[in-house]
Protein backbone atom coordinates (compact mmCIF):
# COMPACT_ATOMS: atom_id res chain seq x y z
CA MET A 1 35.13 12.16 6.26
CA PHE A 2 38.18 13.31 4.32
CA GLY A 3 39.07 15.92 6.99
CA TYR A 4 38.66 13.48 9.84
CA LEU A 5 40.87 10.91 8.11
CA ALA A 6 43.57 13.54 7.67
CA LEU A 7 43.49 14.06 11.44
CA GLY A 8 44.09 10.34 12.01
CA ILE A 9 40.65 9.63 13.52
CA SER A 10 39.42 6.04 13.22
CA LEU A 11 36.50 5.05 11.01
CA ARG A 12 34.37 4.07 13.99
CA GLN A 13 34.85 7.49 15.57
CA ILE A 14 34.14 9.24 12.27
CA ALA A 15 31.00 7.14 11.81
CA LYS A 16 29.70 8.21 15.23
CA ARG A 17 30.31 11.87 14.45
CA LEU A 18 28.63 11.64 11.05
CA GLY A 19 25.73 9.50 12.21
CA ARG A 20 26.60 6.65 9.85
CA HIS A 21 27.58 3.02 10.28
CA HIS A 22 31.32 2.39 10.11
CA THR A 23 30.87 -0.29 7.42
CA THR A 24 29.24 2.33 5.18
CA LEU A 25 32.37 4.45 5.42
CA SER A 26 34.56 1.41 4.85
CA ARG A 27 32.74 0.56 1.61
CA GLU A 28 33.02 4.16 0.45
CA LEU A 29 36.79 4.05 0.98
CA SER A 30 37.20 0.70 -0.78
CA ARG A 31 35.24 1.94 -3.80
CA ASN A 32 36.95 5.27 -4.18
CA ALA A 33 40.48 4.99 -2.81
CA ARG A 34 42.98 6.18 -5.44
CA TYR A 35 46.59 7.21 -5.76
CA GLY A 36 48.22 5.10 -3.11
CA ASN A 37 45.00 4.37 -1.21
CA ALA A 38 44.27 8.09 -0.82
CA TYR A 39 40.60 9.09 -0.64
CA LEU A 40 39.73 12.25 -2.59
CA PRO A 41 36.11 13.36 -2.05
CA CYS A 42 35.86 15.39 -5.28
CA ILE A 43 36.77 12.32 -7.36
CA ALA A 44 34.42 10.11 -5.33
CA ASP A 45 31.56 12.54 -5.86
CA ARG A 46 32.05 12.68 -9.63
CA ARG A 47 32.21 8.89 -9.83
CA ALA A 48 28.98 8.54 -7.81
CA GLU A 49 27.21 10.91 -10.19
CA ARG A 50 28.35 8.93 -13.22
CA VAL A 51 27.21 5.62 -11.71
CA ALA A 52 23.81 7.06 -10.74
CA LEU A 53 23.31 8.53 -14.19
CA ARG A 54 24.09 5.24 -15.91
CA GLN A 55 21.75 3.34 -13.59
CA ARG A 56 18.84 5.72 -14.17
CA PHE A 57 19.37 5.59 -17.89
CA ARG A 58 19.43 1.80 -17.98
CA ALA A 59 16.57 1.19 -15.55
CA ALA A 60 14.43 4.28 -15.11
CA LEU A 61 12.12 2.43 -12.70
CA LYS A 62 14.56 0.36 -10.61
CA ASN A 63 14.87 -2.61 -12.95
CA PRO A 64 13.55 -3.89 -16.29
CA LEU A 65 10.73 -5.92 -14.72
CA VAL A 66 9.32 -2.90 -12.86
CA PHE A 67 9.91 -0.69 -15.90
CA VAL A 68 7.85 -2.93 -18.18
CA TRP A 69 5.18 -3.50 -15.50
CA VAL A 70 4.61 0.22 -14.88
CA ARG A 71 4.39 1.16 -18.55
CA GLU A 72 2.11 -1.77 -19.36
CA LYS A 73 -0.34 -1.01 -16.54
CA LEU A 74 -0.33 2.73 -17.25
CA ARG A 75 -1.56 1.96 -20.74
CA LEU A 76 -4.35 -0.13 -19.20
CA GLY A 77 -5.54 2.95 -17.34
CA TRP A 78 -4.33 1.93 -13.87
CA SER A 79 -3.38 4.75 -11.53
CA PRO A 80 0.18 4.95 -10.13
CA GLU A 81 -1.21 4.01 -6.71
CA ILE A 82 -2.84 0.88 -8.06
CA ILE A 83 0.26 -0.04 -10.07
CA ALA A 84 2.53 0.29 -7.04
CA GLY A 85 0.19 -1.67 -4.77
CA ARG A 86 -0.57 -4.51 -7.16
CA LEU A 87 3.10 -4.96 -8.08
CA THR A 88 3.95 -6.36 -4.64
CA LEU A 89 1.08 -8.87 -4.91
CA GLU A 90 1.94 -10.23 -8.35
CA HIS A 91 5.73 -9.93 -8.00
CA PRO A 92 6.72 -10.53 -4.35
CA GLY A 93 9.99 -8.86 -3.48
CA GLU A 94 9.53 -6.09 -6.03
CA SER A 95 8.26 -2.62 -5.13
CA VAL A 96 8.02 0.91 -6.46
CA HIS A 97 6.63 4.05 -4.82
CA LEU A 98 3.75 5.85 -6.51
CA GLU A 99 5.73 9.12 -6.41
CA THR A 100 8.50 7.42 -8.35
CA ILE A 101 5.98 6.62 -11.06
CA TYR A 102 4.65 10.18 -11.11
CA LYS A 103 8.18 11.56 -11.36
CA TYR A 104 8.90 9.20 -14.23
CA ILE A 105 5.74 10.30 -16.05
CA TYR A 106 6.42 14.02 -15.66
CA LYS A 107 10.18 13.93 -16.08
CA ARG A 108 11.30 16.34 -18.78
CA LYS A 109 12.95 13.78 -21.05
CA ASN A 110 9.86 11.52 -20.85
CA ARG A 111 7.33 14.19 -21.80
CA ARG A 112 7.59 13.35 -25.47
CA GLU A 113 5.95 10.00 -24.67
CA LYS A 114 2.95 11.83 -23.14
CA LEU A 115 2.41 9.19 -20.48
CA TRP A 116 0.22 11.65 -18.58
CA ARG A 117 -2.52 10.87 -21.11
CA TYR A 118 -3.01 7.49 -19.43
CA LEU A 119 -3.71 9.07 -16.03
CA GLU A 120 -7.31 9.37 -14.97
CA LEU A 121 -7.65 13.12 -15.45
CA GLY A 122 -5.08 13.34 -18.23
CA HIS A 123 -3.48 16.56 -16.96
CA LYS A 124 -0.03 17.57 -18.13
CA THR A 125 0.68 18.68 -14.56
CA ARG A 126 -0.82 17.64 -11.21
CA ARG A 127 -3.52 19.98 -9.96
CA ALA A 128 -5.08 20.89 -6.63
CA LYS A 129 -8.70 20.08 -5.85
CA SER A 130 -11.27 22.87 -5.43
CA GLY A 131 -14.86 23.16 -4.28
CA ARG A 132 -17.94 25.27 -5.04
CA ARG A 133 -20.88 26.96 -3.33
CA VAL A 134 -24.05 24.89 -2.93
CA HIS A 135 -27.82 25.27 -2.43
CA LYS A 136 -30.13 23.29 -0.16
CA GLN A 137 -33.47 22.88 -1.96
CA THR A 138 -34.95 19.67 -3.36
CA LYS A 139 -38.03 19.13 -5.58
CA ILE A 140 -38.38 15.34 -5.35
CA PRO A 141 -41.70 14.42 -3.65
CA ASN A 142 -41.45 12.26 -0.52
CA ALA A 143 -37.65 12.36 -0.69
CA VAL A 144 -35.91 10.91 2.36
CA SER A 145 -32.75 12.77 3.29
CA ILE A 146 -29.38 11.05 3.44
CA ASP A 147 -29.24 12.26 7.04
CA LEU A 148 -31.68 9.43 7.85
CA ARG A 149 -29.66 6.73 6.10
CA PRO A 150 -28.40 4.02 8.50
CA LYS A 151 -25.07 4.97 10.00
CA GLU A 152 -23.68 1.56 9.07
CA ALA A 153 -23.54 2.79 5.48
CA ASP A 154 -21.14 5.61 6.32
CA ASN A 155 -18.06 3.54 7.18
CA ARG A 156 -18.55 1.07 4.29
CA LYS A 157 -17.93 -1.94 6.53
CA ILE A 158 -21.40 -3.43 5.97
CA PRO A 159 -22.14 -4.36 2.32
CA GLY A 160 -25.49 -3.81 0.69
CA HIS A 161 -25.58 -0.01 0.44
CA TRP A 162 -25.55 1.33 -3.12
CA GLU A 163 -25.26 4.65 -4.93
CA THR A 164 -26.66 5.55 -8.34
CA ASP A 165 -26.35 8.36 -10.86
CA ASN A 166 -26.70 9.07 -14.58
CA LEU A 167 -23.86 9.98 -16.92
CA GLU A 168 -24.79 12.23 -19.81
CA GLY A 169 -23.17 12.95 -23.17
CA LYS A 170 -24.52 15.93 -25.07
CA ARG A 171 -27.52 17.83 -23.73
CA THR A 172 -29.43 16.95 -26.89
CA ASP A 173 -28.86 13.20 -26.49
CA ARG A 174 -31.76 10.94 -25.65
CA LYS A 175 -29.58 8.16 -24.27
CA VAL A 176 -27.78 8.24 -20.92
CA VAL A 177 -25.63 5.76 -19.03
CA SER A 178 -27.03 4.72 -15.67
CA GLY A 179 -24.53 3.72 -13.02
CA LEU A 180 -25.07 1.72 -9.83
CA SER A 181 -22.17 1.13 -7.42
CA GLU A 182 -21.94 -0.79 -4.15
CA ARG A 183 -20.20 1.22 -1.43
CA THR A 184 -18.17 -1.53 0.21
CA THR A 185 -16.87 -3.50 -2.79
CA ARG A 186 -17.06 -0.63 -5.33
CA LYS A 187 -18.62 -3.07 -7.80
CA VAL A 188 -20.36 -1.09 -10.53
CA SER A 189 -23.18 -1.82 -12.95
CA LEU A 190 -23.57 0.31 -16.08
CA SER A 191 -26.55 0.32 -18.42
CA LEU A 192 -27.29 2.33 -21.55
CA LEU A 193 -30.81 3.77 -21.10
CA PRO A 194 -32.96 4.87 -24.06
CA SER A 195 -34.01 8.04 -22.21
CA ARG A 196 -33.73 9.91 -18.92
CA LYS A 197 -37.17 8.76 -17.73
CA SER A 198 -37.37 7.38 -14.21
CA VAL A 199 -39.02 4.17 -15.43
CA ASN A 200 -35.86 3.29 -17.35
CA LYS A 201 -33.68 4.05 -14.35
CA ASN A 202 -35.81 1.86 -12.08
CA ARG A 203 -35.73 -0.96 -14.62
CA HIS A 204 -31.91 -0.94 -14.56
CA ILE A 205 -31.72 -1.05 -10.76
CA VAL A 206 -34.37 -3.77 -10.43
CA ARG A 207 -32.65 -5.91 -13.06
CA GLU A 208 -29.30 -5.56 -11.28
CA PHE A 209 -30.76 -6.27 -7.84
CA ASP A 210 -32.26 -9.52 -9.12
CA ASN A 211 -28.68 -10.87 -9.13
CA TYR A 212 -28.15 -10.37 -5.37
CA PRO A 213 -29.57 -11.77 -2.14
CA ASP A 214 -31.62 -9.56 0.18
CA PHE A 215 -28.73 -8.77 2.55
CA LEU A 216 -27.05 -6.91 -0.32
CA LYS A 217 -30.09 -4.68 -0.99
CA LYS A 218 -30.22 -2.43 2.07
CA SER A 219 -30.28 1.07 0.56
CA VAL A 220 -29.73 3.19 -2.55
CA THR A 221 -28.41 6.75 -2.40
CA CYS A 222 -29.07 9.11 -5.30
CA ASP A 223 -29.19 12.80 -6.22
CA ASN A 224 -32.20 15.02 -6.81
CA GLY A 225 -32.46 14.50 -10.57
CA SER A 226 -35.85 13.85 -12.14
CA GLU A 227 -34.75 10.33 -13.11
CA ASN A 228 -35.05 9.42 -9.42
CA ALA A 229 -38.58 10.79 -8.96
CA ALA A 230 -40.13 7.28 -8.97
CA HIS A 231 -38.17 6.19 -5.90
CA VAL A 232 -41.32 5.03 -4.09
CA SER A 233 -41.97 2.52 -6.87
CA LEU A 234 -38.37 1.33 -6.66
CA THR A 235 -38.69 0.70 -2.93
CA ARG A 236 -41.94 -1.20 -3.43
CA ARG A 237 -40.44 -3.45 -6.14
CA THR A 238 -37.10 -4.20 -4.45
CA GLY A 239 -37.68 -3.60 -0.75
CA THR A 240 -34.70 -1.23 -0.78
CA ALA A 241 -34.82 2.13 0.99
CA VAL A 242 -33.90 5.14 -1.17
CA PHE A 243 -32.13 8.18 0.27
CA PHE A 244 -31.37 11.52 -1.37
CA CYS A 245 -28.23 13.62 -1.12
CA HIS A 246 -28.42 17.28 -0.28
CA PRO A 247 -28.62 19.29 -3.53
CA TYR A 248 -25.22 19.91 -5.13
CA HIS A 249 -23.51 17.66 -2.57
CA SER A 250 -22.17 15.16 -5.09
CA TRP A 251 -19.52 13.97 -2.65
CA GLU A 252 -22.28 12.37 -0.54
CA LYS A 253 -22.47 9.68 -3.22
CA GLY A 254 -18.75 9.69 -3.79
CA THR A 255 -18.47 6.03 -4.82
CA VAL A 256 -20.48 6.30 -8.03
CA GLU A 257 -19.04 9.77 -8.73
CA ARG A 258 -15.53 8.36 -8.46
CA ARG A 259 -16.38 5.50 -10.81
CA PHE A 260 -17.91 7.93 -13.32
CA ARG A 261 -14.72 9.99 -13.24
CA THR A 262 -12.94 6.90 -14.56
CA VAL A 263 -15.68 6.22 -17.12
CA ARG A 264 -15.15 9.73 -18.49
CA LYS A 265 -11.76 8.62 -19.79
CA MET A 266 -13.58 6.36 -22.24
CA LEU A 267 -16.78 8.39 -22.68
CA PRO A 268 -15.52 12.01 -22.63
CA LYS A 269 -17.85 14.76 -21.53
CA GLY A 270 -19.54 16.49 -24.46
CA GLU A 271 -19.39 13.51 -26.80
CA SER A 272 -22.70 12.01 -27.90
CA LEU A 273 -23.92 8.79 -26.31
CA ASP A 274 -26.51 8.15 -29.02
CA ASN A 275 -23.89 6.31 -31.08
CA ILE A 276 -22.57 4.23 -28.16
CA SER A 277 -23.55 0.56 -28.20
CA PRO A 278 -24.60 -1.51 -25.16
CA THR A 279 -21.62 -3.76 -25.93
CA ARG A 280 -19.23 -0.85 -25.45
CA VAL A 281 -20.87 0.04 -22.14
CA GLN A 282 -20.54 -3.58 -21.00
CA GLU A 283 -16.83 -3.54 -21.92
CA ILE A 284 -16.31 -0.46 -19.73
CA GLU A 285 -18.20 -2.09 -16.85
CA ASP A 286 -16.06 -5.23 -17.11
CA TRP A 287 -12.89 -3.15 -17.14
CA LEU A 288 -13.92 -1.25 -14.01
CA ASN A 289 -14.87 -4.41 -12.11
CA ASN A 290 -11.65 -6.22 -13.04
CA THR A 291 -9.22 -3.41 -12.19
CA PRO A 292 -7.53 -3.65 -8.75
CA MET A 293 -8.23 -0.88 -6.24
CA LYS A 294 -6.04 0.28 -3.36
CA VAL A 295 -9.02 0.66 -1.01
CA LEU A 296 -9.83 -3.04 -1.55
CA GLY A 297 -6.32 -4.18 -0.67
CA TYR A 298 -5.56 -4.32 -4.41
CA LEU A 299 -8.35 -6.79 -5.06
CA THR A 300 -10.74 -6.11 -7.92
CA PRO A 301 -14.41 -5.22 -7.22
CA ASN A 302 -15.43 -8.57 -8.71
CA GLU A 303 -13.07 -10.40 -6.36
CA ALA A 304 -14.33 -8.39 -3.38
CA MET A 305 -17.97 -9.11 -4.20
CA ALA A 306 -17.19 -12.79 -4.79
CA ASN A 307 -15.65 -12.96 -1.30
CA ILE A 308 -18.88 -11.65 0.20
CA LEU A 309 -21.14 -13.90 -1.82
CA THR A 310 -19.10 -16.97 -0.89
CA GLY A 311 -19.37 -16.36 2.82
CA LYS A 312 -16.15 -14.43 3.43
CA GLN A 313 -17.96 -11.25 4.40
CA GLN A 314 -16.54 -10.99 7.91
CA LEU A 315 -12.95 -11.57 6.78
CA PHE A 316 -13.22 -9.13 3.91
CA CYS A 317 -14.82 -6.34 5.94
CA GLY A 318 -12.22 -6.79 8.67
CA ALA A 319 -9.46 -6.34 6.14
CA LEU A 320 -11.06 -3.09 4.97
CA GLN A 321 -11.30 -1.60 8.45
CA ASP A 322 -7.78 -0.18 8.46
CA ARG A 323 -7.97 1.01 4.85
CA ILE A 324 -11.11 3.16 4.93
């Protein structure tokens, strides 16, 4: 702009050549004109850097409200995506991008605060995902493959399809945590079982299903662990079809796996579950079901399930269509 002005070209012509609006150039001149209304780009650049530095120091995340909101929710275990999405719902007119939050967390001068510890995986740096080789054998008698599960369960638009798995502590532990998660609403039920026996697993699922009407008990998807060997009895007691993933295909029951990944923040792998109380497990379940999720339009699983149970199923599922 400085060179064009020296040639006597008008601001409108300069704006067209630079691909900017002429009022943008006018504001730049009014802010930085010095020495008899002369515009010196080197001085303007240094001033812009000083202003930007002061702003970032005073409000690292746009403004004090967003700054406090982000730090508070990080400490609650919310992901940057959830924080960014829920902010616009609870504070209309305010917004922050999830990448802005990640940059704030990993910025050099903020590392001493170790905010990365509040992220789900707790990594000091962001990592790429990787896979592994798998096998295709199963030893569960009368197991029905997930390939035969109703296709309506795949897109998560129809509620009533569940996934289940067990979360272990140490190999020597007797106790395990059984998890049951609904695919559409992501609502999860956790129960501390006295052993890995299938009778205990069935008891947990039956007890949970007693809280729901029949249209929410269409199917259960599980892995090929021995705790699921009594699936025929489960079907007879609840009327719910049970389907089995292909061996080592944990992503085929990705809902419960994803929920367990969050649970691992509070029940780390390798730590004994024998000293964990049912009250603690209930606290974790409540936290999961009352934390907003991006895939639910930043509703909580409890809110999503309540919408279905109160007759808002069609509206809720329609809202999910563009998010899944």
